[in-house]
Structures are given as C-alpha cells and as structure tokens.
Protein backbone atom coordinates (compact mmCIF):
# COMPACT_ATOMS: atom_id res chain seq x y z
CA MET A 1 13.85 -21.96 43.39
CA GLU A 2 10.88 -21.22 46.12
CA THR A 3 12.18 -18.36 47.17
CA VAL A 4 12.32 -16.83 43.93
CA GLY A 5 8.77 -17.31 43.14
CA TYR A 6 7.82 -16.70 46.30
CA ILE A 7 9.32 -13.53 45.63
CA LEU A 8 7.64 -13.06 42.16
CA THR A 9 4.38 -13.59 43.51
CA TYR A 10 4.66 -12.35 46.13
CA ILE A 11 6.95 -9.26 46.66
CA THR A 12 7.52 -7.46 42.92
CA PRO A 13 3.94 -7.38 41.85
CA TYR A 14 3.70 -4.99 44.87
CA LEU A 15 6.53 -2.90 42.81
CA ALA A 16 6.09 -3.11 39.28
CA MET A 17 2.35 -1.50 40.78
CA VAL A 18 4.27 1.08 42.01
CA VAL A 19 6.64 1.53 39.11
CA LEU A 20 3.77 1.68 36.25
CA ILE A 21 1.27 4.18 38.35
CA GLY A 22 4.16 6.56 39.76
CA GLY A 23 6.09 6.08 36.21
CA LEU A 24 2.93 7.28 33.86
CA ILE A 25 2.29 10.23 36.69
CA TYR A 26 5.35 11.47 36.74
CA GLN A 27 5.49 11.15 32.70
CA ILE A 28 2.07 12.45 32.20
CA ARG A 29 2.77 15.45 34.40
CA ARG A 30 6.55 16.42 32.28
CA TRP A 31 4.28 16.27 29.40
CA PHE A 32 2.19 19.07 31.12
CA GLN A 33 4.78 20.98 32.20
CA ARG A 34 6.52 21.49 29.30
CA PRO A 35 6.22 25.01 27.58
CA PRO A 36 3.02 25.58 25.44
CA VAL A 37 3.98 25.96 21.55
CA THR A 38 2.61 29.68 20.50
CA ALA A 39 1.92 28.38 17.03
CA HIS A 40 -0.72 26.90 15.70
CA LEU A 41 0.48 22.76 14.86
CA SER A 42 -3.45 21.78 13.46
CA LEU A 43 -3.16 19.92 10.25
CA TYR A 44 -4.93 20.74 7.59
CA PRO A 45 -8.62 20.17 7.43
CA ARG A 46 -9.53 20.11 11.22
CA PRO A 47 -12.76 20.07 12.82
CA GLU A 48 -13.92 23.73 14.08
CA SER A 49 -15.38 22.36 17.71
CA ARG A 50 -12.82 21.15 20.61
CA LEU A 51 -15.41 18.45 20.50
CA GLY A 52 -15.21 17.95 16.98
CA ARG A 53 -11.83 17.84 17.15
CA ALA A 54 -11.34 15.32 20.22
CA ALA A 55 -14.10 12.67 18.42
CA ASP A 56 -11.66 12.93 15.55
CA ALA A 57 -8.52 12.33 17.54
CA LEU A 58 -9.63 9.19 18.85
CA VAL A 59 -11.20 7.71 16.12
CA ASP A 60 -7.56 8.17 14.63
CA MET A 61 -5.79 7.03 17.33
CA PHE A 62 -8.52 3.43 18.03
CA THR A 63 -8.74 3.34 14.38
CA MET A 64 -5.22 3.79 13.39
CA ARG A 65 -6.19 5.82 10.29
CA SER A 66 -3.01 7.76 9.82
CA ILE A 67 -1.12 4.43 9.41
CA PHE A 68 -3.76 3.04 7.17
CA ARG A 69 -2.99 5.82 4.71
CA VAL A 70 0.78 5.12 4.36
CA ASN A 71 1.29 1.69 4.94
CA ARG A 72 -1.97 -1.08 5.08
CA LEU A 73 0.47 -3.98 5.78
CA LEU A 74 1.65 -2.62 9.04
CA TRP A 75 -1.70 -0.80 9.66
CA ALA A 76 -3.55 -4.54 9.43
CA GLY A 77 -0.87 -6.33 11.35
CA GLY A 78 -0.72 -3.32 14.15
CA PHE A 79 -4.90 -3.07 14.46
CA ILE A 80 -4.98 -6.98 15.19
CA MET A 81 -2.48 -6.92 17.48
CA HIS A 82 -4.21 -4.19 19.53
CA LEU A 83 -7.52 -5.67 19.09
CA GLY A 84 -6.60 -8.67 20.71
CA LEU A 85 -4.97 -7.31 23.33
CA LEU A 86 -8.01 -5.26 23.77
CA LEU A 87 -9.50 -8.92 24.06
CA LEU A 88 -7.35 -9.97 26.31
CA ILE A 89 -7.44 -7.42 29.06
CA LEU A 90 -11.00 -7.93 28.64
CA GLY A 91 -10.99 -11.23 29.46
CA HIS A 92 -7.84 -11.14 31.98
CA ILE A 93 -10.86 -9.09 34.07
CA ARG A 94 -12.02 -12.67 35.01
CA THR A 95 -8.58 -12.84 37.15
CA VAL A 96 -10.58 -10.42 39.79
CA THR A 97 -14.09 -11.14 39.22
CA ASP A 98 -16.65 -12.17 36.95
CA PHE A 99 -19.01 -11.30 34.12
CA TYR A 100 -22.14 -12.46 36.32
CA PHE A 101 -24.56 -10.23 34.54
CA LEU A 102 -23.37 -11.26 31.25
CA TRP A 103 -24.07 -15.22 32.55
CA ASP A 104 -27.35 -14.62 33.49
CA LEU A 105 -28.13 -12.51 30.69
CA LEU A 106 -27.36 -14.98 28.36
CA GLY A 107 -28.49 -17.98 30.47
CA TRP A 108 -25.17 -19.41 30.15
CA GLY A 109 -24.20 -22.36 33.29
CA GLU A 110 -20.01 -23.29 34.17
CA LYS A 111 -20.12 -25.43 30.93
CA GLU A 112 -21.02 -22.48 28.64
CA THR A 113 -19.23 -19.90 30.43
CA HIS A 114 -16.07 -22.82 30.59
CA THR A 115 -16.61 -23.25 26.50
CA PHE A 116 -16.55 -20.05 25.87
CA SER A 117 -14.15 -18.26 27.65
CA ALA A 118 -11.82 -21.09 26.80
CA ILE A 119 -12.58 -20.18 22.54
CA ALA A 120 -12.23 -16.36 23.02
CA GLY A 121 -9.32 -16.80 25.27
CA LEU A 122 -7.01 -19.02 22.45
CA GLY A 123 -8.65 -16.52 19.69
CA ALA A 124 -7.61 -13.31 21.63
CA GLY A 125 -3.80 -14.48 22.21
CA LEU A 126 -3.72 -16.08 18.73
CA LEU A 127 -4.71 -12.53 17.40
CA PHE A 128 -2.03 -11.14 19.78
CA PHE A 129 0.50 -13.42 18.90
CA ILE A 130 0.75 -13.88 15.03
CA PRO A 131 0.52 -10.27 14.23
CA LEU A 132 3.45 -9.78 16.64
CA ILE A 133 5.41 -12.79 14.28
CA TYR A 134 4.96 -10.43 11.20
CA LEU A 135 5.93 -7.24 13.10
CA PHE A 136 9.14 -8.98 14.28
CA LEU A 137 10.19 -10.67 10.81
CA ARG A 138 9.55 -7.21 9.59
CA ARG A 139 12.35 -5.57 11.42
CA TRP A 140 15.05 -8.03 9.65
CA GLY A 141 15.26 -6.91 6.32
CA GLY A 142 15.16 -3.39 4.42
CA PRO A 143 14.94 -0.05 5.86
CA VAL A 144 12.91 -0.93 9.19
CA LYS A 145 16.00 -3.48 10.20
CA THR A 146 18.48 -0.22 9.59
CA LEU A 147 16.09 1.96 12.23
CA SER A 148 15.27 -0.38 14.43
CA THR A 149 16.68 0.01 18.00
CA PRO A 150 17.73 -3.05 20.76
CA GLU A 151 14.90 -1.68 22.74
CA ASP A 152 12.74 -2.44 19.81
CA TYR A 153 13.63 -6.54 19.47
CA PHE A 154 13.64 -6.27 23.31
CA ALA A 155 9.49 -4.85 23.52
CA LEU A 156 8.81 -7.29 20.84
CA VAL A 157 10.63 -10.43 22.78
CA LEU A 158 9.13 -9.61 26.20
CA LEU A 159 5.28 -9.28 24.05
CA SER A 160 5.93 -12.51 22.42
CA GLY A 161 6.79 -14.22 25.69
CA ILE A 162 4.15 -12.91 27.50
CA ALA A 163 1.63 -14.34 24.79
CA ILE A 164 4.02 -17.82 24.27
CA THR A 165 3.63 -18.72 28.23
CA GLY A 166 -0.22 -17.30 28.23
CA LEU A 167 -1.10 -19.41 24.93
CA HIS A 168 0.90 -22.38 26.98
CA MET A 169 -1.55 -22.28 29.30
CA ARG A 170 -4.12 -22.43 26.96
CA PHE A 171 -3.33 -24.42 25.17
CA VAL A 172 -1.71 -27.05 26.60
CA LEU A 173 -2.50 -26.54 30.58
CA GLU A 174 -5.82 -26.98 31.82
CA VAL A 175 -5.86 -23.81 34.35
CA ASP A 176 -8.22 -23.38 37.09
CA GLN A 177 -9.72 -20.39 36.62
CA GLN A 178 -11.47 -20.15 39.89
CA ALA A 179 -8.21 -20.88 42.09
CA ILE A 180 -6.38 -18.09 40.04
CA ARG A 181 -9.08 -15.92 40.37
CA GLU A 182 -8.69 -16.96 44.91
CA PHE A 183 -4.80 -15.87 43.87
CA MET A 184 -5.23 -12.45 42.46
CA GLN A 185 -8.04 -11.31 44.96
CA GLY A 186 -5.43 -12.55 47.66
CA LEU A 187 -2.96 -9.89 46.52
CA TYR A 188 -5.61 -7.42 46.03
CA THR A 189 -6.75 -7.79 49.77
CA PHE A 190 -2.93 -9.10 51.32
CA ASN A 191 -4.64 -11.91 52.26
CA TRP A 192 -1.94 -13.93 50.00
CA GLN A 193 -3.37 -17.50 48.70
CA PRO A 194 -1.17 -20.09 46.79
CA VAL A 195 -0.40 -20.28 43.31
CA PRO A 196 -2.40 -23.10 41.57
CA GLU A 197 -0.58 -25.80 40.96
CA SER A 198 -2.50 -26.27 37.80
CA ALA A 199 -0.90 -23.31 36.48
CA GLY A 200 3.11 -24.84 36.30
CA LEU A 201 5.59 -22.64 35.49
CA SER A 202 4.18 -21.42 32.85
CA PHE A 203 2.26 -19.13 34.75
CA LEU A 204 5.09 -17.81 37.22
CA TRP A 205 7.03 -16.70 33.63
CA HIS A 206 3.53 -15.35 32.20
CA PHE A 207 3.32 -13.21 35.62
CA ALA A 208 7.21 -12.52 35.84
CA LEU A 209 7.27 -11.21 32.20
CA VAL A 210 3.84 -9.71 33.20
CA GLN A 211 5.62 -7.44 35.90
CA LEU A 212 8.89 -6.53 33.48
CA LEU A 213 6.44 -4.88 31.25
CA MET A 214 5.16 -3.15 34.01
CA VAL A 215 8.29 -1.26 35.09
CA TYR A 216 9.07 -1.23 31.13
CA PHE A 217 6.04 0.43 29.94
CA PRO A 218 6.26 4.03 31.41
CA PHE A 219 9.68 4.93 30.62
CA GLY A 220 9.98 2.21 27.16
CA LYS A 221 8.33 3.26 23.37
CA LEU A 222 5.41 1.48 24.46
CA LEU A 223 4.07 3.90 25.76
CA HIS A 224 3.02 5.74 22.55
CA THR A 225 -0.16 4.02 23.13
CA VAL A 226 -0.69 7.13 25.98
CA GLY A 227 1.43 9.90 23.90
CA ALA A 228 -0.35 9.11 20.77
CA GLY A 229 -3.68 10.63 22.12
CA LEU A 230 -1.88 13.97 22.87
CA ASN A 231 0.21 14.20 20.55
CA LYS A 232 -3.12 13.89 18.18
CA MET A 233 -4.70 16.74 20.66
CA VAL A 234 -2.06 18.91 19.74
CA MET A 235 -1.85 18.15 15.79
CA ARG A 236 -5.78 19.49 16.50
CA SER A 237 -5.68 22.16 18.49
C-alpha cells in the first residue's frame, strides 16, 4: 500500500499533467486541421460583428441559454453543477497559494479566513455534488436511459467520487490547509513534501480520482466544456 501511495502522490501526478496538456493540444489542433466548411452554418438571428458574435457565443456558453430554452430542470442541474465546479476550482487555488490581498482588504485574520473557507468549501461542494445525483438518476429512466452509454455513467461516477472524497475531508476530517499547500507546492517545485496525516486516505482517493479525470478529460465526453465554445462560434460564423 505504501508503494501504491508513493506512486499516486509523487509519480502519476506528472504523468496525468502531461496527458492532460498533450491531449488538449492534440484535440484542439485536430479541430483546426479539419477542412473548413464552405457553406454558412450560422443560425438566425446572429450579431453582425465578430466581436458581437464572440460575445454572444460566450454568453450562451456560460449561461447555458440553449438548454434553458429546451429543458429548464436539466438547465438548473447543469448550471448549478458547473457553478459549484467553478467555485471549487477557485477555492483549490488556495492549495498552491492564498488570496492574501483579499484577506488584508477584508481585514480578516487566520480565524475568519478558516471559517469562511470551511463554509464556502462546503457550500461549493454541495452545489457540485447534489446536481450530480439528479443527473445520475435522470439516466435511470425514460428515453435518456436508452440513449445513455457506459461512458456517461463512468463520468458521473468519477465526478461523484471526487466530490464525495472532497466532502469527506471537509465534513469529517480537520485537514491542515497549510500542510496541503506545502505538499502541492512541493510537487510543482519538485521538492517533495510528505502527505499531511490529517488528510487521511480520503486525500489519496481524492487525488487519485482527480488524476484519472485529468487523463480521461481530453479524450472523453467531458471535453464538451472546450468544444462547446468552438461549436458556438461556428454556429455564428
């Protein structure tokens, strides 16, 4: 077990990062190498200027406007999940550095910062996890079940596993944030630090599942988060 833990904490993170970056570069390059479509694919109405079309595509992508028009319950689940994910990504920046300028601006000390981090992290985790339950149950009945593939369930289980292990560290364990930050900074600088004991096995599972997501992301359906922007630009070209 110690050998597996060592590999998952000090070896595979670098491999996962290489696959993630290399996979994204490969996919984006492949998209741009496809022969251009001679016919106009734009949908009416569309803004006349390129800036207007780009802004319209970004608004559509970030608000999920097209889904809202078709299925508002699905829109609510998807929008809340993506909002929770965005907040979690912002919160996880603290594993590398901290928002010292913000805490100084608010006049917060270590106690206030810790309290806010606990509440915000828990809220963002629930915003991310609860919609995943809805999206998972949605695939167990009706026409959606017929159209679902094993990959659809795999992606939901993977994201749920990341959420559950993260919430376990937030709910049950009192994780030393500074020790986590030192561990992550050690990975980036190749000055490896021990895994914080306060994180327990939940951290190892959480970290391993995130690495699996990094490897899967460039080649799976979750890549729609990148492809959606390009697709919407084509629709307004």
